[in-house]
Amino acid sequence: MFILKSKASYIIAAPRIRRNEGCLTGPNKADAIKFDTAEQAKDWINAIRDRQIGQGFKRHELARASVVAV
């Protein structure tokens, strides 16, 4: 099982559709979105980044996360 970690927080939800906001993060590892494979986690964060690029986010505002095995 894999989760996504962004700096000191874990990603627990995707940004809401049609809103200029980032991913919802939290300090609790148990609340993080879980993926079966590392590839699924990477594909998910890349899809979020693509959607943010389409909404006009600047490069430094895009979602960033690393895949962590649980």
Protein backbone atom coordinates (compact mmCIF):
# COMPACT_ATOMS: atom_id res chain seq x y z
CA MET A 1 0.00 0.00 0.00
CA PHE A 2 1.22 3.48 -0.84
CA ILE A 3 0.33 7.04 0.22
CA LEU A 4 1.40 10.51 -0.88
CA LYS A 5 3.40 12.80 1.39
CA SER A 6 3.83 16.51 0.80
CA LYS A 7 6.60 17.97 2.98
CA ALA A 8 5.49 17.30 6.59
CA SER A 9 1.85 16.48 5.73
CA TYR A 10 -0.02 13.65 4.04
CA ILE A 11 -2.46 14.21 1.17
CA ILE A 12 -5.93 13.28 2.36
CA ALA A 13 -8.14 14.66 -0.46
CA ALA A 14 -7.99 16.06 -3.97
CA PRO A 15 -8.76 19.71 -4.68
CA ARG A 16 -12.41 20.42 -5.36
CA ILE A 17 -13.35 20.65 -9.03
CA ARG A 18 -13.52 24.17 -10.51
CA ARG A 19 -11.78 25.72 -7.52
CA ASN A 20 -8.34 27.28 -7.50
CA GLU A 21 -6.99 25.41 -4.50
CA GLY A 22 -4.42 22.78 -3.66
CA CYS A 23 -4.78 19.30 -2.23
CA LEU A 24 -6.14 18.93 1.28
CA THR A 25 -3.37 17.79 3.62
CA GLY A 26 -3.22 16.64 7.20
CA PRO A 27 -0.68 15.48 9.77
CA ASN A 28 -2.22 12.04 10.32
CA LYS A 29 -0.86 9.17 8.18
CA ALA A 30 -4.02 7.09 8.77
CA ASP A 31 -6.18 9.69 6.98
CA ALA A 32 -4.08 9.73 3.79
CA ILE A 33 -5.44 8.52 0.44
CA LYS A 34 -4.26 4.95 -0.09
CA PHE A 35 -3.15 3.42 -3.40
CA ASP A 36 -2.42 -0.21 -4.31
CA THR A 37 0.71 0.56 -6.34
CA ALA A 38 3.25 3.35 -6.52
CA GLU A 39 2.37 3.84 -10.18
CA GLN A 40 -1.28 4.56 -9.29
CA ALA A 41 -0.17 7.18 -6.78
CA LYS A 42 2.11 8.86 -9.33
CA ASP A 43 -0.62 8.83 -11.97
CA TRP A 44 -3.08 10.39 -9.50
CA ILE A 45 -0.78 13.28 -8.54
CA ASN A 46 0.08 13.84 -12.22
CA ALA A 47 -3.64 14.04 -13.07
CA ILE A 48 -4.12 16.64 -10.31
CA ARG A 49 -1.16 18.64 -11.66
CA ASP A 50 -2.55 18.48 -15.21
CA ARG A 51 -5.91 19.77 -13.98
CA GLN A 52 -4.19 22.60 -12.08
CA ILE A 53 -2.18 23.56 -15.18
CA GLY A 54 -5.46 23.71 -17.12
CA GLN A 55 -6.86 26.06 -14.48
CA GLY A 56 -3.91 28.42 -14.88
CA PHE A 57 -1.87 27.63 -11.77
CA LYS A 58 1.69 28.88 -11.80
CA ARG A 59 4.52 26.36 -11.73
CA HIS A 60 5.33 26.95 -8.06
CA GLU A 61 1.66 26.50 -7.07
CA LEU A 62 1.25 22.98 -8.49
CA ALA A 63 0.70 19.98 -6.22
CA ARG A 64 3.87 18.16 -5.24
CA ALA A 65 4.12 14.91 -3.35
CA SER A 66 6.34 11.90 -2.93
CA VAL A 67 5.13 8.32 -2.84
CA VAL A 68 5.64 6.56 0.50
CA ALA A 69 5.21 2.81 1.09
CA VAL A 70 3.12 1.94 4.14
